[in-house]
Amino acid sequence: MTAVPVLAEPVDLIGLLDGRPLPRTELDRRLSALREGPRASALPAPGSAEDRQLTRWVAQVVLTEQLCRAEALARGLDCSATEPVRLDQRAAVELGSIAAAAYEGSAAVRAVFAAVTADVDATPAEVAAYRAAVAGSRAPVAERWQLTTPDGDFEADPASLPAGLVAALRSAPAGETVTVGAWTAALTGRTAEQATEQAAAGASARAADRASDQAAEQLRDCARRIAFVRWLDRARAERLTLVPGLEHPGDPAQPDNHHRH
C-alpha cells in the first residue's frame, strides 16, 4: 500500500482530492445509518479503538468512491448504465475490503474499473501454465475389468485385486486364464473402461476448449482486479490527502492499528 499524505492538523473534512476539500457530510451520514440500522448491536463500542477503525474504513470507502467519481468525469465515462453487482468471495479478497465495498456500492468505481483494466488480459502462456497446474488434481477415470473365474463371472476395479494377479492379467493375452497363489482368473474384457474411453475421446476436444476458456476467464478477471488495485493505490497516493483520524485503517503509523508482526 503506497502511503497517502496526511494533513498536519485535524479539520472538519474527510480529506482533499486534487487539493479540493471534501466535507465529512457523506461519512457522517453513513456512520449514522450504520449506528441506527438493524445491525447496530454488532458494531464496536463508541469511542473505542475498533470504533475509530470502523470510521477510518468507511472514510476510505467514501474517498475511493469520490476519487473514482472524479476520474469517471474526467474520462467522460457513463456511470448510469453500470448495474449494481455482488462480488464473490474470491473477487472481494483480491480487491480488498475497501475497494470491494466501493466497487459494489458505486457505479463510478465500476465504470473506472472497466476503463483502466480494458486492455488487461491473461497471456496464452499463463493459461497453459494454469491448466497444467490444475490438471493433476482431476480424479483419474475408474477402470472396470470383466473377469472369469472358476466361481463365475464378475466385474472388478483392478485396484481392488491382488497386485500379483493384476500384473499377470495385464501381461497375459486377453481371455487367457492365469493363476497367482489362490487366485485363478481370466481377463475377458474391459467394456466399462472402453466405454469411458470412447466417451472421453468424443468429448475431449470440447472439454479442452471449455477448460481453456474457463482458465482464460478466471486469469483475466484476476489480472484485472490486480491491475485496478495497483492503479487505485497510485491514484490515492497522488491525488488524495487524508486528515488525522481518518488514515487508512491498515496504516502502521496511526495509533489504532494493532496489527503487529
C-alpha atoms as a PDB file:
ATOM      1  CA  MET A   1       0.000   0.000   0.000  1.00  0.00           C
ATOM      2  CA  THR A   2       1.503   3.332  -1.063  1.00  0.00           C
ATOM      3  CA  ALA A   3       1.495   5.977   1.674  1.00  0.00           C
ATOM      4  CA  VAL A   4      -1.119   8.730   1.304  1.00  0.00           C
ATOM      5  CA  PRO A   5      -0.224  12.183   2.707  1.00  0.00           C
ATOM      6  CA  VAL A   6      -1.993  13.338   5.880  1.00  0.00           C
ATOM      7  CA  LEU A   7      -2.774  16.925   6.890  1.00  0.00           C
ATOM      8  CA  ALA A   8      -0.893  18.168   9.955  1.00  0.00           C
ATOM      9  CA  GLU A   9      -3.958  19.440  11.836  1.00  0.00           C
ATOM     10  CA  PRO A  10      -7.465  17.956  12.201  1.00  0.00           C
ATOM     11  CA  VAL A  11     -10.117  19.722  10.111  1.00  0.00           C
ATOM     12  CA  ASP A  12     -13.812  19.172   9.541  1.00  0.00           C
ATOM     13  CA  LEU A  13     -13.129  17.373   6.275  1.00  0.00           C
ATOM     14  CA  ILE A  14     -12.806  13.808   5.101  1.00  0.00           C
ATOM     15  CA  GLY A  15      -9.759  14.803   3.063  1.00  0.00           C
ATOM     16  CA  LEU A  16      -8.567  16.620  -0.051  1.00  0.00           C
ATOM     17  CA  LEU A  17      -8.976  15.361  -3.600  1.00  0.00           C
ATOM     18  CA  ASP A  18      -6.649  17.089  -6.048  1.00  0.00           C
ATOM     19  CA  GLY A  19      -6.385  19.831  -3.420  1.00  0.00           C
ATOM     20  CA  ARG A  20     -10.153  20.264  -3.256  1.00  0.00           C
ATOM     21  CA  PRO A  21     -11.734  19.920   0.223  1.00  0.00           C
ATOM     22  CA  LEU A  22     -14.153  17.032   0.699  1.00  0.00           C
ATOM     23  CA  PRO A  23     -16.683  17.606   3.516  1.00  0.00           C
ATOM     24  CA  ARG A  24     -17.484  14.925   6.108  1.00  0.00           C
ATOM     25  CA  THR A  25     -21.198  15.003   5.241  1.00  0.00           C
ATOM     26  CA  GLU A  26     -21.331  11.655   3.451  1.00  0.00           C
ATOM     27  CA  LEU A  27     -19.100   9.951   6.003  1.00  0.00           C
ATOM     28  CA  ASP A  28     -21.257  11.134   8.900  1.00  0.00           C
ATOM     29  CA  ARG A  29     -24.419  10.081   7.060  1.00  0.00           C
ATOM     30  CA  ARG A  30     -23.137   6.548   6.525  1.00  0.00           C
ATOM     31  CA  LEU A  31     -21.889   6.180  10.067  1.00  0.00           C
ATOM     32  CA  SER A  32     -25.247   7.363  11.392  1.00  0.00           C
ATOM     33  CA  ALA A  33     -27.062   4.884   9.159  1.00  0.00           C
ATOM     34  CA  LEU A  34     -24.878   2.063  10.462  1.00  0.00           C
ATOM     35  CA  ARG A  35     -25.365   3.022  14.102  1.00  0.00           C
ATOM     36  CA  GLU A  36     -29.112   3.333  13.717  1.00  0.00           C
ATOM     37  CA  GLY A  37     -29.523   0.282  11.498  1.00  0.00           C
ATOM     38  CA  PRO A  38     -30.602  -3.283  12.292  1.00  0.00           C
ATOM     39  CA  ARG A  39     -27.013  -4.438  12.916  1.00  0.00           C
ATOM     40  CA  ALA A  40     -26.080  -1.653  15.298  1.00  0.00           C
ATOM     41  CA  SER A  41     -25.640  -4.111  18.168  1.00  0.00           C
ATOM     42  CA  ALA A  42     -22.776  -5.766  16.286  1.00  0.00           C
ATOM     43  CA  LEU A  43     -20.806  -2.527  15.930  1.00  0.00           C
ATOM     44  CA  PRO A  44     -17.894  -1.665  18.233  1.00  0.00           C
ATOM     45  CA  ALA A  45     -18.484   0.476  21.303  1.00  0.00           C
ATOM     46  CA  PRO A  46     -18.479   4.216  20.534  1.00  0.00           C
ATOM     47  CA  GLY A  47     -15.148   5.835  21.287  1.00  0.00           C
ATOM     48  CA  SER A  48     -13.203   2.554  21.251  1.00  0.00           C
ATOM     49  CA  ALA A  49     -10.206   1.858  19.042  1.00  0.00           C
ATOM     50  CA  GLU A  50     -12.362  -0.517  16.983  1.00  0.00           C
ATOM     51  CA  ASP A  51     -14.952   2.242  16.528  1.00  0.00           C
ATOM     52  CA  ARG A  52     -12.284   4.618  15.260  1.00  0.00           C
ATOM     53  CA  GLN A  53     -11.062   1.912  12.881  1.00  0.00           C
ATOM     54  CA  LEU A  54     -14.600   1.485  11.564  1.00  0.00           C
ATOM     55  CA  THR A  55     -14.752   5.248  10.936  1.00  0.00           C
ATOM     56  CA  ARG A  56     -11.461   5.079   9.064  1.00  0.00           C
ATOM     57  CA  TRP A  57     -12.685   2.147   6.977  1.00  0.00           C
ATOM     58  CA  VAL A  58     -15.933   3.893   5.982  1.00  0.00           C
ATOM     59  CA  ALA A  59     -13.967   7.076   5.233  1.00  0.00           C
ATOM     60  CA  GLN A  60     -11.676   5.166   2.878  1.00  0.00           C
ATOM     61  CA  VAL A  61     -14.664   3.685   1.062  1.00  0.00           C
ATOM     62  CA  VAL A  62     -16.155   7.160   0.598  1.00  0.00           C
ATOM     63  CA  LEU A  63     -12.804   8.578  -0.550  1.00  0.00           C
ATOM     64  CA  THR A  64     -12.402   5.746  -3.061  1.00  0.00           C
ATOM     65  CA  GLU A  65     -15.846   6.483  -4.466  1.00  0.00           C
ATOM     66  CA  GLN A  66     -15.101  10.228  -4.659  1.00  0.00           C
ATOM     67  CA  LEU A  67     -11.790   9.581  -6.389  1.00  0.00           C
ATOM     68  CA  CYS A  68     -13.397   7.311  -8.973  1.00  0.00           C
ATOM     69  CA  ARG A  69     -16.272   9.729  -9.475  1.00  0.00           C
ATOM     70  CA  ALA A  70     -13.766  12.444 -10.383  1.00  0.00           C
ATOM     71  CA  GLU A  71     -11.854  10.018 -12.627  1.00  0.00           C
ATOM     72  CA  ALA A  72     -15.052   8.936 -14.391  1.00  0.00           C
ATOM     73  CA  LEU A  73     -15.967  12.573 -15.004  1.00  0.00           C
ATOM     74  CA  ALA A  74     -12.528  13.329 -16.404  1.00  0.00           C
ATOM     75  CA  ARG A  75     -12.715  10.308 -18.722  1.00  0.00           C
ATOM     76  CA  GLY A  76     -16.289  11.021 -19.772  1.00  0.00           C
ATOM     77  CA  LEU A  77     -17.486   7.618 -18.596  1.00  0.00           C
ATOM     78  CA  ASP A  78     -21.187   6.780 -18.488  1.00  0.00           C
ATOM     79  CA  CYS A  79     -21.835   5.569 -14.951  1.00  0.00           C
ATOM     80  CA  SER A  80     -25.615   5.352 -15.187  1.00  0.00           C
ATOM     81  CA  ALA A  81     -25.512   2.231 -17.364  1.00  0.00           C
ATOM     82  CA  THR A  82     -23.444   0.224 -14.876  1.00  0.00           C
ATOM     83  CA  GLU A  83     -25.654  -2.210 -12.965  1.00  0.00           C
ATOM     84  CA  PRO A  84     -25.031  -2.947  -9.267  1.00  0.00           C
ATOM     85  CA  VAL A  85     -23.137  -6.143  -8.585  1.00  0.00           C
ATOM     86  CA  ARG A  86     -22.350  -8.512  -5.751  1.00  0.00           C
ATOM     87  CA  LEU A  87     -18.785  -9.749  -5.741  1.00  0.00           C
ATOM     88  CA  ASP A  88     -17.978 -13.342  -4.961  1.00  0.00           C
ATOM     89  CA  GLN A  89     -15.593 -14.111  -2.112  1.00  0.00           C
ATOM     90  CA  ARG A  90     -12.542 -14.543  -4.306  1.00  0.00           C
ATOM     91  CA  ALA A  91     -13.045 -11.219  -6.083  1.00  0.00           C
ATOM     92  CA  ALA A  92     -13.651  -9.394  -2.797  1.00  0.00           C
ATOM     93  CA  VAL A  93     -10.453 -10.800  -1.283  1.00  0.00           C
ATOM     94  CA  GLU A  94      -8.389  -9.881  -4.340  1.00  0.00           C
ATOM     95  CA  LEU A  95      -9.715  -6.318  -4.345  1.00  0.00           C
ATOM     96  CA  GLY A  96      -9.510  -5.856  -0.582  1.00  0.00           C
ATOM     97  CA  SER A  97     -12.431  -4.928   1.641  1.00  0.00           C
ATOM     98  CA  ILE A  98     -12.346  -1.168   0.970  1.00  0.00           C
ATOM     99  CA  ALA A  99     -12.113  -1.389  -2.823  1.00  0.00           C
ATOM    100  CA  ALA A 100     -14.659  -4.234  -2.856  1.00  0.00           C
ATOM    101  CA  ALA A 101     -17.207  -2.206  -0.865  1.00  0.00           C
ATOM    102  CA  ALA A 102     -16.672   0.801  -3.104  1.00  0.00           C
ATOM    103  CA  TYR A 103     -16.964  -1.372  -6.224  1.00  0.00           C
ATOM    104  CA  GLU A 104     -20.275  -2.851  -5.100  1.00  0.00           C
ATOM    105  CA  GLY A 105     -21.742   0.459  -3.977  1.00  0.00           C
ATOM    106  CA  SER A 106     -20.633   2.896  -6.664  1.00  0.00           C
ATOM    107  CA  ALA A 107     -21.342   2.860 -10.386  1.00  0.00           C
ATOM    108  CA  ALA A 108     -18.417   5.252 -10.873  1.00  0.00           C
ATOM    109  CA  VAL A 109     -15.986   2.772  -9.313  1.00  0.00           C
ATOM    110  CA  ARG A 110     -17.251   0.000 -11.575  1.00  0.00           C
ATOM    111  CA  ALA A 111     -17.006   2.236 -14.646  1.00  0.00           C
ATOM    112  CA  VAL A 112     -13.440   3.261 -13.821  1.00  0.00           C
ATOM    113  CA  PHE A 113     -12.534  -0.376 -13.127  1.00  0.00           C
ATOM    114  CA  ALA A 114     -13.759  -1.306 -16.607  1.00  0.00           C
ATOM    115  CA  ALA A 115     -11.883   1.588 -18.197  1.00  0.00           C
ATOM    116  CA  VAL A 116      -8.496   1.117 -16.542  1.00  0.00           C
ATOM    117  CA  THR A 117      -8.490  -2.675 -16.991  1.00  0.00           C
ATOM    118  CA  ALA A 118      -9.945  -2.867 -20.504  1.00  0.00           C
ATOM    119  CA  ASP A 119      -6.623  -3.901 -22.067  1.00  0.00           C
ATOM    120  CA  VAL A 120      -5.587  -6.314 -19.298  1.00  0.00           C
ATOM    121  CA  ASP A 121      -5.693  -9.998 -20.213  1.00  0.00           C
ATOM    122  CA  ALA A 122      -4.013 -13.281 -19.409  1.00  0.00           C
ATOM    123  CA  THR A 123      -1.343 -14.456 -21.829  1.00  0.00           C
ATOM    124  CA  PRO A 124      -1.579 -17.859 -23.573  1.00  0.00           C
ATOM    125  CA  ALA A 125       1.463 -18.967 -21.567  1.00  0.00           C
ATOM    126  CA  GLU A 126      -0.287 -18.111 -18.291  1.00  0.00           C
ATOM    127  CA  VAL A 127      -3.397 -20.016 -19.358  1.00  0.00           C
ATOM    128  CA  ALA A 128      -1.322 -23.049 -20.347  1.00  0.00           C
ATOM    129  CA  ALA A 129       0.599 -22.975 -17.068  1.00  0.00           C
ATOM    130  CA  TYR A 130      -2.640 -22.730 -15.089  1.00  0.00           C
ATOM    131  CA  ARG A 131      -4.195 -25.663 -16.926  1.00  0.00           C
ATOM    132  CA  ALA A 132      -1.082 -27.757 -16.402  1.00  0.00           C
ATOM    133  CA  ALA A 133      -1.051 -26.924 -12.683  1.00  0.00           C
ATOM    134  CA  VAL A 134      -4.653 -27.958 -12.095  1.00  0.00           C
ATOM    135  CA  ALA A 135      -4.669 -30.982 -14.411  1.00  0.00           C
ATOM    136  CA  GLY A 136      -3.093 -33.190 -11.767  1.00  0.00           C
ATOM    137  CA  SER A 137      -5.919 -32.509  -9.335  1.00  0.00           C
ATOM    138  CA  ARG A 138      -8.533 -34.197 -11.504  1.00  0.00           C
ATOM    139  CA  ALA A 139      -9.695 -37.628 -10.381  1.00  0.00           C
ATOM    140  CA  PRO A 140      -8.476 -40.488 -12.609  1.00  0.00           C
ATOM    141  CA  VAL A 141     -11.006 -42.419 -14.654  1.00  0.00           C
ATOM    142  CA  ALA A 142     -12.049 -45.613 -12.843  1.00  0.00           C
ATOM    143  CA  GLU A 143     -11.185 -48.793 -14.704  1.00  0.00           C
ATOM    144  CA  ARG A 144     -13.514 -51.833 -14.661  1.00  0.00           C
ATOM    145  CA  TRP A 145     -12.462 -55.334 -15.653  1.00  0.00           C
ATOM    146  CA  GLN A 146     -14.647 -58.275 -16.646  1.00  0.00           C
ATOM    147  CA  LEU A 147     -13.226 -61.428 -15.092  1.00  0.00           C
ATOM    148  CA  THR A 148     -13.992 -65.133 -15.491  1.00  0.00           C
ATOM    149  CA  THR A 149     -13.145 -67.373 -12.553  1.00  0.00           C
ATOM    150  CA  PRO A 150     -13.972 -70.947 -11.502  1.00  0.00           C
ATOM    151  CA  ASP A 151     -16.642 -69.412  -9.267  1.00  0.00           C
ATOM    152  CA  GLY A 152     -18.287 -67.379 -12.003  1.00  0.00           C
ATOM    153  CA  ASP A 153     -18.015 -64.105 -13.883  1.00  0.00           C
ATOM    154  CA  PHE A 154     -17.889 -60.676 -12.286  1.00  0.00           C
ATOM    155  CA  GLU A 155     -16.640 -57.103 -12.741  1.00  0.00           C
ATOM    156  CA  ALA A 156     -13.969 -55.566 -10.554  1.00  0.00           C
ATOM    157  CA  ASP A 157     -11.844 -52.468 -10.188  1.00  0.00           C
ATOM    158  CA  PRO A 158      -8.269 -53.693 -10.751  1.00  0.00           C
ATOM    159  CA  ALA A 159      -7.160 -51.557  -7.790  1.00  0.00           C
ATOM    160  CA  SER A 160      -9.224 -53.871  -5.564  1.00  0.00           C
ATOM    161  CA  LEU A 161      -7.438 -57.052  -6.769  1.00  0.00           C
ATOM    162  CA  PRO A 162      -4.151 -58.555  -5.523  1.00  0.00           C
ATOM    163  CA  ALA A 163      -1.222 -56.779  -7.174  1.00  0.00           C
ATOM    164  CA  GLY A 164       0.303 -60.045  -8.422  1.00  0.00           C
ATOM    165  CA  LEU A 165      -2.912 -61.101 -10.109  1.00  0.00           C
ATOM    166  CA  VAL A 166      -3.319 -57.705 -11.747  1.00  0.00           C
ATOM    167  CA  ALA A 167       0.232 -57.854 -13.127  1.00  0.00           C
ATOM    168  CA  ALA A 168      -0.311 -61.375 -14.509  1.00  0.00           C
ATOM    169  CA  LEU A 169      -3.623 -60.465 -16.153  1.00  0.00           C
ATOM    170  CA  ARG A 170      -2.129 -57.344 -17.736  1.00  0.00           C
ATOM    171  CA  SER A 171       0.736 -59.332 -19.279  1.00  0.00           C
ATOM    172  CA  ALA A 172      -1.404 -62.288 -20.427  1.00  0.00           C
ATOM    173  CA  PRO A 173      -3.316 -62.295 -23.739  1.00  0.00           C
ATOM    174  CA  ALA A 174      -6.981 -61.350 -23.389  1.00  0.00           C
ATOM    175  CA  GLY A 175      -9.073 -64.305 -22.220  1.00  0.00           C
ATOM    176  CA  GLU A 176      -6.112 -66.407 -21.068  1.00  0.00           C
ATOM    177  CA  THR A 177      -6.522 -67.927 -17.618  1.00  0.00           C
ATOM    178  CA  VAL A 178      -3.765 -67.174 -15.133  1.00  0.00           C
ATOM    179  CA  THR A 179      -3.181 -68.493 -11.634  1.00  0.00           C
ATOM    180  CA  VAL A 180      -1.437 -66.475  -8.929  1.00  0.00           C
ATOM    181  CA  GLY A 181      -1.443 -68.048  -5.494  1.00  0.00           C
ATOM    182  CA  ALA A 182      -5.013 -68.938  -4.604  1.00  0.00           C
ATOM    183  CA  TRP A 183      -6.415 -66.822  -7.458  1.00  0.00           C
ATOM    184  CA  THR A 184      -7.362 -68.163 -10.877  1.00  0.00           C
ATOM    185  CA  ALA A 185      -8.966 -65.794 -13.379  1.00  0.00           C
ATOM    186  CA  ALA A 186      -9.097 -64.680 -16.987  1.00  0.00           C
ATOM    187  CA  LEU A 187      -9.468 -61.055 -18.120  1.00  0.00           C
ATOM    188  CA  THR A 188     -12.241 -61.287 -20.699  1.00  0.00           C
ATOM    189  CA  GLY A 189     -12.960 -57.638 -21.280  1.00  0.00           C
ATOM    190  CA  ARG A 190     -12.755 -54.020 -20.213  1.00  0.00           C
ATOM    191  CA  THR A 191     -16.087 -52.899 -21.513  1.00  0.00           C
ATOM    192  CA  ALA A 192     -16.724 -50.207 -18.926  1.00  0.00           C
ATOM    193  CA  GLU A 193     -13.255 -48.779 -19.441  1.00  0.00           C
ATOM    194  CA  GLN A 194     -13.674 -48.878 -23.210  1.00  0.00           C
ATOM    195  CA  ALA A 195     -16.992 -47.098 -22.993  1.00  0.00           C
ATOM    196  CA  THR A 196     -15.443 -44.488 -20.739  1.00  0.00           C
ATOM    197  CA  GLU A 197     -12.535 -44.014 -23.110  1.00  0.00           C
ATOM    198  CA  GLN A 198     -14.836 -43.735 -26.106  1.00  0.00           C
ATOM    199  CA  ALA A 199     -16.984 -41.149 -24.366  1.00  0.00           C
ATOM    200  CA  ALA A 200     -13.902 -39.260 -23.237  1.00  0.00           C
ATOM    201  CA  ALA A 201     -12.436 -39.341 -26.742  1.00  0.00           C
ATOM    202  CA  GLY A 202     -15.663 -37.978 -28.199  1.00  0.00           C
ATOM    203  CA  ALA A 203     -15.803 -35.139 -25.668  1.00  0.00           C
ATOM    204  CA  SER A 204     -12.086 -34.407 -25.279  1.00  0.00           C
ATOM    205  CA  ALA A 205     -11.937 -31.572 -27.784  1.00  0.00           C
ATOM    206  CA  ARG A 206     -14.991 -29.854 -26.341  1.00  0.00           C
ATOM    207  CA  ALA A 207     -13.756 -30.342 -22.780  1.00  0.00           C
ATOM    208  CA  ALA A 208     -10.348 -28.923 -23.664  1.00  0.00           C
ATOM    209  CA  ASP A 209     -11.928 -25.864 -25.253  1.00  0.00           C
ATOM    210  CA  ARG A 210     -14.168 -25.286 -22.228  1.00  0.00           C
ATOM    211  CA  ALA A 211     -11.279 -25.719 -19.808  1.00  0.00           C
ATOM    212  CA  SER A 212      -9.137 -23.292 -21.794  1.00  0.00           C
ATOM    213  CA  ASP A 213     -11.921 -20.720 -21.941  1.00  0.00           C
ATOM    214  CA  GLN A 214     -12.626 -21.031 -18.216  1.00  0.00           C
ATOM    215  CA  ALA A 215      -8.955 -20.755 -17.298  1.00  0.00           C
ATOM    216  CA  ALA A 216      -8.528 -17.713 -19.506  1.00  0.00           C
ATOM    217  CA  GLU A 217     -11.590 -16.039 -17.996  1.00  0.00           C
ATOM    218  CA  GLN A 218     -10.512 -16.716 -14.418  1.00  0.00           C
ATOM    219  CA  LEU A 219      -6.976 -15.487 -15.027  1.00  0.00           C
ATOM    220  CA  ARG A 220      -8.182 -12.412 -16.911  1.00  0.00           C
ATOM    221  CA  ASP A 221     -10.568 -11.451 -14.092  1.00  0.00           C
ATOM    222  CA  CYS A 222      -7.815 -11.911 -11.514  1.00  0.00           C
ATOM    223  CA  ALA A 223      -5.320  -9.882 -13.565  1.00  0.00           C
ATOM    224  CA  ARG A 224      -7.838  -7.062 -13.962  1.00  0.00           C
ATOM    225  CA  ARG A 225      -8.516  -6.896 -10.245  1.00  0.00           C
ATOM    226  CA  ILE A 226      -4.786  -6.757  -9.528  1.00  0.00           C
ATOM    227  CA  ALA A 227      -4.325  -4.022 -12.140  1.00  0.00           C
ATOM    228  CA  PHE A 228      -7.172  -1.970 -10.687  1.00  0.00           C
ATOM    229  CA  VAL A 229      -5.833  -2.224  -7.140  1.00  0.00           C
ATOM    230  CA  ARG A 230      -2.437  -1.015  -8.358  1.00  0.00           C
ATOM    231  CA  TRP A 231      -3.996   1.868 -10.252  1.00  0.00           C
ATOM    232  CA  LEU A 232      -6.118   2.790  -7.241  1.00  0.00           C
ATOM    233  CA  ASP A 233      -3.118   2.645  -4.910  1.00  0.00           C
ATOM    234  CA  ARG A 234      -1.176   5.047  -7.128  1.00  0.00           C
ATOM    235  CA  ALA A 235      -4.155   7.368  -7.598  1.00  0.00           C
ATOM    236  CA  ARG A 236      -4.769   7.581  -3.845  1.00  0.00           C
ATOM    237  CA  ALA A 237      -1.128   8.445  -3.168  1.00  0.00           C
ATOM    238  CA  GLU A 238      -1.012  11.097  -5.909  1.00  0.00           C
ATOM    239  CA  ARG A 239      -4.429  12.715  -5.564  1.00  0.00           C
ATOM    240  CA  LEU A 240      -5.687  12.282  -2.002  1.00  0.00           C
ATOM    241  CA  THR A 241      -4.646  13.995   1.200  1.00  0.00           C
ATOM    242  CA  LEU A 242      -6.062  12.464   4.372  1.00  0.00           C
ATOM    243  CA  VAL A 243      -6.870  14.111   7.686  1.00  0.00           C
ATOM    244  CA  PRO A 244      -5.728  12.995  11.155  1.00  0.00           C
ATOM    245  CA  GLY A 245      -8.033  10.311  12.499  1.00  0.00           C
ATOM    246  CA  LEU A 246      -9.118   9.179   9.031  1.00  0.00           C
ATOM    247  CA  GLU A 247      -5.933   7.499   7.901  1.00  0.00           C
ATOM    248  CA  HIS A 248      -6.136   4.127   6.205  1.00  0.00           C
ATOM    249  CA  PRO A 249      -7.065   1.581   8.917  1.00  0.00           C
ATOM    250  CA  GLY A 250      -4.032  -0.504   7.926  1.00  0.00           C
ATOM    251  CA  ASP A 251      -1.581   2.396   8.171  1.00  0.00           C
ATOM    252  CA  PRO A 252       1.033   1.293  10.738  1.00  0.00           C
ATOM    253  CA  ALA A 253       1.641   4.929  11.708  1.00  0.00           C
ATOM    254  CA  GLN A 254      -1.861   5.537  13.066  1.00  0.00           C
ATOM    255  CA  PRO A 255      -2.376   4.728  16.767  1.00  0.00           C
ATOM    256  CA  ASP A 256      -5.286   2.298  16.456  1.00  0.00           C
ATOM    257  CA  ASN A 257      -3.570  -0.124  14.107  1.00  0.00           C
ATOM    258  CA  HIS A 258      -2.866  -3.007  16.486  1.00  0.00           C
ATOM    259  CA  HIS A 259      -1.633  -5.418  13.813  1.00  0.00           C
ATOM    260  CA  ARG A 260       1.952  -6.230  14.710  1.00  0.00           C
ATOM    261  CA  HIS A 261       4.436  -8.772  13.364  1.00  0.00           C
END
